[in-house]
Amino acid sequence: MSMQEGYSEVVWIKDAYHLIDANGHERIYGAADTRNLEPGFYVAHWPAGTRNPHFLHDGLTFVGPYRYRHSALALLGSESEVAMAHSA
């Protein structure tokens, strides 16, 4: 799941219906099998070809939970490094 294959950002899952996005805004979220997510930090990932990455997207997936934001950011950073290495 590299960044070349779609768009990703770190979010904080607040409860079964709300998250805080990367800009600090509370959003309603929903996608297949997401209502049972534990609170915590996640990397939200939209598939390649997504033109409008919103939090009610059917293809939205979450990787986590992470206890700390920097742990989720590290995953996002490692994806970026892998994508850059493959494009070089």
PDB file of N, CA and C in Angstrom:
ATOM      1  N   MET A   1       0.837  -1.172   0.000  1.00  0.00           N
ATOM      2  CA  MET A   1       0.000   0.000   0.000  1.00  0.00           C
ATOM      3  C   MET A   1       0.883   1.236   0.000  1.00  0.00           C
ATOM      4  N   SER A   2       1.512   1.544  -1.077  1.00  0.00           N
ATOM      5  CA  SER A   2       2.370   2.717  -1.146  1.00  0.00           C
ATOM      6  C   SER A   2       1.541   3.935  -1.531  1.00  0.00           C
ATOM      7  N   MET A   3       2.129   5.098  -1.288  1.00  0.00           N
ATOM      8  CA  MET A   3       1.424   6.330  -1.600  1.00  0.00           C
ATOM      9  C   MET A   3       1.188   6.478  -3.096  1.00  0.00           C
ATOM     10  N   GLN A   4       1.999   5.817  -3.929  1.00  0.00           N
ATOM     11  CA  GLN A   4       1.781   5.867  -5.368  1.00  0.00           C
ATOM     12  C   GLN A   4       0.479   5.170  -5.743  1.00  0.00           C
ATOM     13  N   GLU A   5       0.007   4.290  -4.884  1.00  0.00           N
ATOM     14  CA  GLU A   5      -1.201   3.520  -5.176  1.00  0.00           C
ATOM     15  C   GLU A   5      -2.462   4.187  -4.658  1.00  0.00           C
ATOM     16  N   GLY A   6      -2.366   5.394  -4.170  1.00  0.00           N
ATOM     17  CA  GLY A   6      -3.526   6.099  -3.645  1.00  0.00           C
ATOM     18  C   GLY A   6      -3.087   7.226  -2.742  1.00  0.00           C
ATOM     19  N   TYR A   7      -4.004   7.699  -1.942  1.00  0.00           N
ATOM     20  CA  TYR A   7      -3.747   8.813  -1.037  1.00  0.00           C
ATOM     21  C   TYR A   7      -3.874   8.317   0.398  1.00  0.00           C
ATOM     22  N   SER A   8      -2.991   8.767   1.293  1.00  0.00           N
ATOM     23  CA  SER A   8      -3.022   8.367   2.697  1.00  0.00           C
ATOM     24  C   SER A   8      -2.838   9.575   3.593  1.00  0.00           C
ATOM     25  N   GLU A   9      -3.424   9.510   4.790  1.00  0.00           N
ATOM     26  CA  GLU A   9      -3.187  10.519   5.817  1.00  0.00           C
ATOM     27  C   GLU A   9      -3.427   9.906   7.186  1.00  0.00           C
ATOM     28  N   VAL A  10      -2.820  10.506   8.206  1.00  0.00           N
ATOM     29  CA  VAL A  10      -2.988  10.035   9.575  1.00  0.00           C
ATOM     30  C   VAL A  10      -4.216  10.708  10.177  1.00  0.00           C
ATOM     31  N   VAL A  11      -5.063   9.896  10.806  1.00  0.00           N
ATOM     32  CA  VAL A  11      -6.275  10.389  11.467  1.00  0.00           C
ATOM     33  C   VAL A  11      -6.363   9.795  12.870  1.00  0.00           C
ATOM     34  N   TRP A  12      -7.193  10.400  13.704  1.00  0.00           N
ATOM     35  CA  TRP A  12      -7.462   9.866  15.029  1.00  0.00           C
ATOM     36  C   TRP A  12      -8.916   9.442  15.074  1.00  0.00           C
ATOM     37  N   ILE A  13      -9.150   8.151  15.275  1.00  0.00           N
ATOM     38  CA  ILE A  13     -10.508   7.633  15.395  1.00  0.00           C
ATOM     39  C   ILE A  13     -11.000   7.962  16.796  1.00  0.00           C
ATOM     40  N   LYS A  14     -12.076   8.705  16.866  1.00  0.00           N
ATOM     41  CA  LYS A  14     -12.643   9.156  18.134  1.00  0.00           C
ATOM     42  C   LYS A  14     -13.659   8.145  18.665  1.00  0.00           C
ATOM     43  N   ASP A  15     -14.546   7.684  17.788  1.00  0.00           N
ATOM     44  CA  ASP A  15     -15.558   6.689  18.144  1.00  0.00           C
ATOM     45  C   ASP A  15     -16.050   6.025  16.862  1.00  0.00           C
ATOM     46  N   ALA A  16     -17.144   5.279  16.937  1.00  0.00           N
ATOM     47  CA  ALA A  16     -17.619   4.497  15.789  1.00  0.00           C
ATOM     48  C   ALA A  16     -18.102   5.342  14.611  1.00  0.00           C
ATOM     49  N   TYR A  17     -18.247   6.652  14.783  1.00  0.00           N
ATOM     50  CA  TYR A  17     -18.762   7.493  13.704  1.00  0.00           C
ATOM     51  C   TYR A  17     -17.928   8.734  13.417  1.00  0.00           C
ATOM     52  N   HIS A  18     -16.989   9.068  14.295  1.00  0.00           N
ATOM     53  CA  HIS A  18     -16.248  10.327  14.156  1.00  0.00           C
ATOM     54  C   HIS A  18     -14.746  10.103  14.206  1.00  0.00           C
ATOM     55  N   LEU A  19     -14.047  10.923  13.431  1.00  0.00           N
ATOM     56  CA  LEU A  19     -12.594  10.939  13.461  1.00  0.00           C
ATOM     57  C   LEU A  19     -12.128  12.378  13.388  1.00  0.00           C
ATOM     58  N   ILE A  20     -10.873  12.584  13.723  1.00  0.00           N
ATOM     59  CA  ILE A  20     -10.237  13.885  13.573  1.00  0.00           C
ATOM     60  C   ILE A  20      -9.227  13.744  12.439  1.00  0.00           C
ATOM     61  N   ASP A  21      -9.380  14.562  11.382  1.00  0.00           N
ATOM     62  CA  ASP A  21      -8.504  14.431  10.217  1.00  0.00           C
ATOM     63  C   ASP A  21      -7.151  15.102  10.457  1.00  0.00           C
ATOM     64  N   ALA A  22      -6.299  15.065   9.457  1.00  0.00           N
ATOM     65  CA  ALA A  22      -4.939  15.597   9.572  1.00  0.00           C
ATOM     66  C   ALA A  22      -4.921  17.105   9.813  1.00  0.00           C
ATOM     67  N   ASN A  23      -6.008  17.794   9.473  1.00  0.00           N
ATOM     68  CA  ASN A  23      -6.085  19.244   9.681  1.00  0.00           C
ATOM     69  C   ASN A  23      -6.784  19.617  10.991  1.00  0.00           C
ATOM     70  N   GLY A  24      -7.144  18.603  11.804  1.00  0.00           N
ATOM     71  CA  GLY A  24      -7.782  18.857  13.086  1.00  0.00           C
ATOM     72  C   GLY A  24      -9.286  19.009  13.035  1.00  0.00           C
ATOM     73  N   HIS A  25      -9.906  18.687  11.892  1.00  0.00           N
ATOM     74  CA  HIS A  25     -11.355  18.794  11.757  1.00  0.00           C
ATOM     75  C   HIS A  25     -12.033  17.472  12.100  1.00  0.00           C
ATOM     76  N   GLU A  26     -13.131  17.550  12.833  1.00  0.00           N
ATOM     77  CA  GLU A  26     -13.901  16.344  13.129  1.00  0.00           C
ATOM     78  C   GLU A  26     -14.747  15.991  11.914  1.00  0.00           C
ATOM     79  N   ARG A  27     -14.718  14.729  11.529  1.00  0.00           N
ATOM     80  CA  ARG A  27     -15.446  14.244  10.351  1.00  0.00           C
ATOM     81  C   ARG A  27     -16.220  12.977  10.698  1.00  0.00           C
ATOM     82  N   ILE A  28     -17.299  12.764   9.988  1.00  0.00           N
ATOM     83  CA  ILE A  28     -18.010  11.490  10.066  1.00  0.00           C
ATOM     84  C   ILE A  28     -17.324  10.556   9.092  1.00  0.00           C
ATOM     85  N   TYR A  29     -17.109   9.307   9.483  1.00  0.00           N
ATOM     86  CA  TYR A  29     -16.459   8.361   8.590  1.00  0.00           C
ATOM     87  C   TYR A  29     -17.290   7.094   8.478  1.00  0.00           C
ATOM     88  N   GLY A  30     -17.029   6.368   7.409  1.00  0.00           N
ATOM     89  CA  GLY A  30     -17.686   5.097   7.208  1.00  0.00           C
ATOM     90  C   GLY A  30     -17.191   4.441   5.943  1.00  0.00           C
ATOM     91  N   ALA A  31     -16.903   3.192   6.053  1.00  0.00           N
ATOM     92  CA  ALA A  31     -16.493   2.375   4.923  1.00  0.00           C
ATOM     93  C   ALA A  31     -16.695   0.937   5.361  1.00  0.00           C
ATOM     94  N   ALA A  32     -16.507   0.013   4.476  1.00  0.00           N
ATOM     95  CA  ALA A  32     -16.704  -1.398   4.801  1.00  0.00           C
ATOM     96  C   ALA A  32     -15.912  -1.784   6.045  1.00  0.00           C
ATOM     97  N   ASP A  33     -16.578  -2.397   7.002  1.00  0.00           N
ATOM     98  CA  ASP A  33     -15.941  -2.944   8.215  1.00  0.00           C
ATOM     99  C   ASP A  33     -15.192  -1.915   9.058  1.00  0.00           C
ATOM    100  N   THR A  34     -15.651  -0.659   9.106  1.00  0.00           N
ATOM    101  CA  THR A  34     -14.935   0.337   9.897  1.00  0.00           C
ATOM    102  C   THR A  34     -15.633   0.699  11.199  1.00  0.00           C
ATOM    103  N   ARG A  35     -16.822   0.251  11.428  1.00  0.00           N
ATOM    104  CA  ARG A  35     -17.569   0.659  12.625  1.00  0.00           C
ATOM    105  C   ARG A  35     -17.042   0.024  13.908  1.00  0.00           C
ATOM    106  N   ASN A  36     -16.198  -0.976  13.825  1.00  0.00           N
ATOM    107  CA  ASN A  36     -15.672  -1.630  15.014  1.00  0.00           C
ATOM    108  C   ASN A  36     -14.239  -1.214  15.331  1.00  0.00           C
ATOM    109  N   LEU A  37     -13.787  -0.100  14.790  1.00  0.00           N
ATOM    110  CA  LEU A  37     -12.423   0.348  15.039  1.00  0.00           C
ATOM    111  C   LEU A  37     -12.301   0.895  16.460  1.00  0.00           C
ATOM    112  N   GLU A  38     -11.222   0.515  17.125  1.00  0.00           N
ATOM    113  CA  GLU A  38     -10.935   1.049  18.448  1.00  0.00           C
ATOM    114  C   GLU A  38     -10.420   2.480  18.313  1.00  0.00           C
ATOM    115  N   PRO A  39     -10.670   3.310  19.318  1.00  0.00           N
ATOM    116  CA  PRO A  39     -10.091   4.658  19.271  1.00  0.00           C
ATOM    117  C   PRO A  39      -8.567   4.587  19.195  1.00  0.00           C
ATOM    118  N   GLY A  40      -7.982   5.515  18.467  1.00  0.00           N
ATOM    119  CA  GLY A  40      -6.538   5.571  18.318  1.00  0.00           C
ATOM    120  C   GLY A  40      -6.167   6.216  16.999  1.00  0.00           C
ATOM    121  N   PHE A  41      -4.886   6.250  16.723  1.00  0.00           N
ATOM    122  CA  PHE A  41      -4.375   6.825  15.478  1.00  0.00           C
ATOM    123  C   PHE A  41      -4.300   5.742  14.402  1.00  0.00           C
ATOM    124  N   TYR A  42      -4.664   6.120  13.198  1.00  0.00           N
ATOM    125  CA  TYR A  42      -4.685   5.208  12.059  1.00  0.00           C
ATOM    126  C   TYR A  42      -4.122   5.922  10.838  1.00  0.00           C
ATOM    127  N   VAL A  43      -3.648   5.144   9.879  1.00  0.00           N
ATOM    128  CA  VAL A  43      -3.363   5.673   8.556  1.00  0.00           C
ATOM    129  C   VAL A  43      -4.589   5.347   7.714  1.00  0.00           C
ATOM    130  N   ALA A  44      -5.270   6.392   7.263  1.00  0.00           N
ATOM    131  CA  ALA A  44      -6.424   6.229   6.368  1.00  0.00           C
ATOM    132  C   ALA A  44      -5.872   6.174   4.946  1.00  0.00           C
ATOM    133  N   HIS A  45      -6.360   5.212   4.168  1.00  0.00           N
ATOM    134  CA  HIS A  45      -5.828   5.030   2.814  1.00  0.00           C
ATOM    135  C   HIS A  45      -6.968   4.887   1.817  1.00  0.00           C
ATOM    136  N   TRP A  46      -6.920   5.734   0.770  1.00  0.00           N
ATOM    137  CA  TRP A  46      -7.868   5.662  -0.329  1.00  0.00           C
ATOM    138  C   TRP A  46      -7.178   4.982  -1.507  1.00  0.00           C
ATOM    139  N   PRO A  47      -7.900   4.200  -2.289  1.00  0.00           N
ATOM    140  CA  PRO A  47      -7.276   3.485  -3.416  1.00  0.00           C
ATOM    141  C   PRO A  47      -6.869   4.412  -4.563  1.00  0.00           C
ATOM    142  N   ALA A  48      -5.999   3.896  -5.407  1.00  0.00           N
ATOM    143  CA  ALA A  48      -5.572   4.625  -6.604  1.00  0.00           C
ATOM    144  C   ALA A  48      -6.793   5.032  -7.415  1.00  0.00           C
ATOM    145  N   GLY A  49      -6.711   6.200  -8.009  1.00  0.00           N
ATOM    146  CA  GLY A  49      -7.799   6.686  -8.848  1.00  0.00           C
ATOM    147  C   GLY A  49      -8.866   7.449  -8.086  1.00  0.00           C
ATOM    148  N   THR A  50      -8.725   7.557  -6.762  1.00  0.00           N
ATOM    149  CA  THR A  50      -9.702   8.304  -5.979  1.00  0.00           C
ATOM    150  C   THR A  50      -9.553   9.783  -6.295  1.00  0.00           C
ATOM    151  N   ARG A  51     -10.614  10.381  -6.783  1.00  0.00           N
ATOM    152  CA  ARG A  51     -10.549  11.797  -7.160  1.00  0.00           C
ATOM    153  C   ARG A  51     -10.965  12.715  -6.023  1.00  0.00           C
ATOM    154  N   ASN A  52     -11.798  12.218  -5.111  1.00  0.00           N
ATOM    155  CA  ASN A  52     -12.279  13.017  -3.993  1.00  0.00           C
ATOM    156  C   ASN A  52     -12.133  12.195  -2.714  1.00  0.00           C
ATOM    157  N   PRO A  53     -10.973  12.278  -2.047  1.00  0.00           N
ATOM    158  CA  PRO A  53     -10.750  11.443  -0.868  1.00  0.00           C
ATOM    159  C   PRO A  53     -11.535  11.944   0.349  1.00  0.00           C
ATOM    160  N   HIS A  54     -12.780  11.475   0.480  1.00  0.00           N
ATOM    161  CA  HIS A  54     -13.602  11.839   1.625  1.00  0.00           C
ATOM    162  C   HIS A  54     -13.711  10.630   2.556  1.00  0.00           C
ATOM    163  N   PHE A  55     -14.211  10.844   3.750  1.00  0.00           N
ATOM    164  CA  PHE A  55     -14.213   9.795   4.767  1.00  0.00           C
ATOM    165  C   PHE A  55     -15.436   8.891   4.729  1.00  0.00           C
ATOM    166  N   LEU A  56     -16.262   9.017   3.707  1.00  0.00           N
ATOM    167  CA  LEU A  56     -17.380   8.097   3.491  1.00  0.00           C
ATOM    168  C   LEU A  56     -17.175   7.312   2.198  1.00  0.00           C
ATOM    169  N   HIS A  57     -15.939   7.178   1.774  1.00  0.00           N
ATOM    170  CA  HIS A  57     -15.558   6.490   0.538  1.00  0.00           C
ATOM    171  C   HIS A  57     -15.608   4.980   0.753  1.00  0.00           C
ATOM    172  N   ASP A  58     -16.214   4.251  -0.189  1.00  0.00           N
ATOM    173  CA  ASP A  58     -16.334   2.790  -0.070  1.00  0.00           C
ATOM    174  C   ASP A  58     -14.995   2.078  -0.021  1.00  0.00           C
ATOM    175  N   GLY A  59     -13.976   2.618  -0.681  1.00  0.00           N
ATOM    176  CA  GLY A  59     -12.676   1.956  -0.734  1.00  0.00           C
ATOM    177  C   GLY A  59     -11.720   2.373   0.374  1.00  0.00           C
ATOM    178  N   LEU A  60     -12.167   3.211   1.289  1.00  0.00           N
ATOM    179  CA  LEU A  60     -11.317   3.693   2.379  1.00  0.00           C
ATOM    180  C   LEU A  60     -10.961   2.558   3.330  1.00  0.00           C
ATOM    181  N   THR A  61      -9.673   2.438   3.644  1.00  0.00           N
ATOM    182  CA  THR A  61      -9.216   1.442   4.620  1.00  0.00           C
ATOM    183  C   THR A  61      -8.397   2.146   5.694  1.00  0.00           C
ATOM    184  N   PHE A  62      -8.286   1.493   6.838  1.00  0.00           N
ATOM    185  CA  PHE A  62      -7.549   2.049   7.968  1.00  0.00           C
ATOM    186  C   PHE A  62      -6.512   1.040   8.438  1.00  0.00           C
ATOM    187  N   VAL A  63      -5.289   1.503   8.699  1.00  0.00           N
ATOM    188  CA  VAL A  63      -4.235   0.677   9.266  1.00  0.00           C
ATOM    189  C   VAL A  63      -3.957   1.213  10.660  1.00  0.00           C
ATOM    190  N   GLY A  64      -4.081   0.363  11.659  1.00  0.00           N
ATOM    191  CA  GLY A  64      -3.867   0.760  13.043  1.00  0.00           C
ATOM    192  C   GLY A  64      -4.668  -0.153  13.953  1.00  0.00           C
ATOM    193  N   PRO A  65      -4.892   0.198  15.167  1.00  0.00           N
ATOM    194  CA  PRO A  65      -4.626   1.495  15.774  1.00  0.00           C
ATOM    195  C   PRO A  65      -3.207   1.599  16.314  1.00  0.00           C
ATOM    196  N   TYR A  66      -2.760   2.831  16.386  1.00  0.00           N
ATOM    197  CA  TYR A  66      -1.489   3.165  17.018  1.00  0.00           C
ATOM    198  C   TYR A  66      -1.806   4.026  18.235  1.00  0.00           C
ATOM    199  N   ARG A  67      -1.064   3.830  19.284  1.00  0.00           N
ATOM    200  CA  ARG A  67      -1.290   4.583  20.513  1.00  0.00           C
ATOM    201  C   ARG A  67      -0.857   6.043  20.352  1.00  0.00           C
ATOM    202  N   TYR A  68       0.188   6.241  19.552  1.00  0.00           N
ATOM    203  CA  TYR A  68       0.743   7.586  19.384  1.00  0.00           C
ATOM    204  C   TYR A  68       0.714   7.999  17.918  1.00  0.00           C
ATOM    205  N   ARG A  69       0.483   9.285  17.686  1.00  0.00           N
ATOM    206  CA  ARG A  69       0.428   9.828  16.327  1.00  0.00           C
ATOM    207  C   ARG A  69       1.751   9.605  15.594  1.00  0.00           C
ATOM    208  N   HIS A  70       2.872   9.776  16.301  1.00  0.00           N
ATOM    209  CA  HIS A  70       4.172   9.629  15.633  1.00  0.00           C
ATOM    210  C   HIS A  70       4.387   8.200  15.121  1.00  0.00           C
ATOM    211  N   SER A  71       3.756   7.219  15.743  1.00  0.00           N
ATOM    212  CA  SER A  71       3.866   5.839  15.240  1.00  0.00           C
ATOM    213  C   SER A  71       3.158   5.691  13.898  1.00  0.00           C
ATOM    214  N   ALA A  72       1.974   6.293  13.775  1.00  0.00           N
ATOM    215  CA  ALA A  72       1.249   6.256  12.497  1.00  0.00           C
ATOM    216  C   ALA A  72       1.997   7.069  11.443  1.00  0.00           C
ATOM    217  N   LEU A  73       2.539   8.207  11.847  1.00  0.00           N
ATOM    218  CA  LEU A  73       3.329   9.018  10.912  1.00  0.00           C
ATOM    219  C   LEU A  73       4.556   8.267  10.419  1.00  0.00           C
ATOM    220  N   ALA A  74       5.162   7.457  11.286  1.00  0.00           N
ATOM    221  CA  ALA A  74       6.329   6.668  10.881  1.00  0.00           C
ATOM    222  C   ALA A  74       5.946   5.682   9.785  1.00  0.00           C
ATOM    223  N   LEU A  75       4.771   5.058   9.913  1.00  0.00           N
ATOM    224  CA  LEU A  75       4.297   4.152   8.865  1.00  0.00           C
ATOM    225  C   LEU A  75       4.097   4.922   7.567  1.00  0.00           C
ATOM    226  N   LEU A  76       3.473   6.061   7.657  1.00  0.00           N
ATOM    227  CA  LEU A  76       3.242   6.882   6.474  1.00  0.00           C
ATOM    228  C   LEU A  76       4.565   7.314   5.851  1.00  0.00           C
ATOM    229  N   GLY A  77       5.543   7.676   6.685  1.00  0.00           N
ATOM    230  CA  GLY A  77       6.868   8.059   6.193  1.00  0.00           C
ATOM    231  C   GLY A  77       7.594   6.911   5.536  1.00  0.00           C
ATOM    232  N   SER A  78       7.469   5.699   6.085  1.00  0.00           N
ATOM    233  CA  SER A  78       8.145   4.548   5.482  1.00  0.00           C
ATOM    234  C   SER A  78       7.517   4.213   4.137  1.00  0.00           C
ATOM    235  N   GLU A  79       6.201   4.413   3.993  1.00  0.00           N
ATOM    236  CA  GLU A  79       5.552   4.201   2.691  1.00  0.00           C
ATOM    237  C   GLU A  79       6.094   5.188   1.677  1.00  0.00           C
ATOM    238  N   SER A  80       6.285   6.426   2.100  1.00  0.00           N
ATOM    239  CA  SER A  80       6.794   7.454   1.204  1.00  0.00           C
ATOM    240  C   SER A  80       8.211   7.124   0.743  1.00  0.00           C
ATOM    241  N   GLU A  81       9.044   6.665   1.666  1.00  0.00           N
ATOM    242  CA  GLU A  81      10.421   6.292   1.323  1.00  0.00           C
ATOM    243  C   GLU A  81      10.454   5.134   0.340  1.00  0.00           C
ATOM    244  N   VAL A  82       9.583   4.150   0.536  1.00  0.00           N
ATOM    245  CA  VAL A  82       9.517   2.997  -0.365  1.00  0.00           C
ATOM    246  C   VAL A  82       9.078   3.468  -1.748  1.00  0.00           C
ATOM    247  N   ALA A  83       8.057   4.326  -1.800  1.00  0.00           N
ATOM    248  CA  ALA A  83       7.561   4.816  -3.087  1.00  0.00           C
ATOM    249  C   ALA A  83       8.645   5.602  -3.830  1.00  0.00           C
ATOM    250  N   MET A  84       9.410   6.423  -3.101  1.00  0.00           N
ATOM    251  CA  MET A  84      10.471   7.198  -3.738  1.00  0.00           C
ATOM    252  C   MET A  84      11.593   6.297  -4.236  1.00  0.00           C
ATOM    253  N   ALA A  85      11.916   5.250  -3.514  1.00  0.00           N
ATOM    254  CA  ALA A  85      12.964   4.317  -3.926  1.00  0.00           C
ATOM    255  C   ALA A  85      12.568   3.585  -5.205  1.00  0.00           C
ATOM    256  N   HIS A  86      11.267   3.240  -5.317  1.00  0.00           N
ATOM    257  CA  HIS A  86      10.807   2.524  -6.510  1.00  0.00           C
ATOM    258  C   HIS A  86      10.721   3.440  -7.728  1.00  0.00           C
ATOM    259  N   SER A  87      10.582   4.744  -7.506  1.00  0.00           N
ATOM    260  CA  SER A  87      10.483   5.651  -8.646  1.00  0.00           C
ATOM    261  C   SER A  87      11.848   6.105  -9.133  1.00  0.00           C
ATOM    262  N   ALA A  88      12.894   5.845  -8.363  1.00  0.00           N
ATOM    263  CA  ALA A  88      14.240   6.304  -8.740  1.00  0.00           C
ATOM    264  C   ALA A  88      14.865   5.384  -9.769  1.00  0.00           C
TER     265      ALA A  88
END
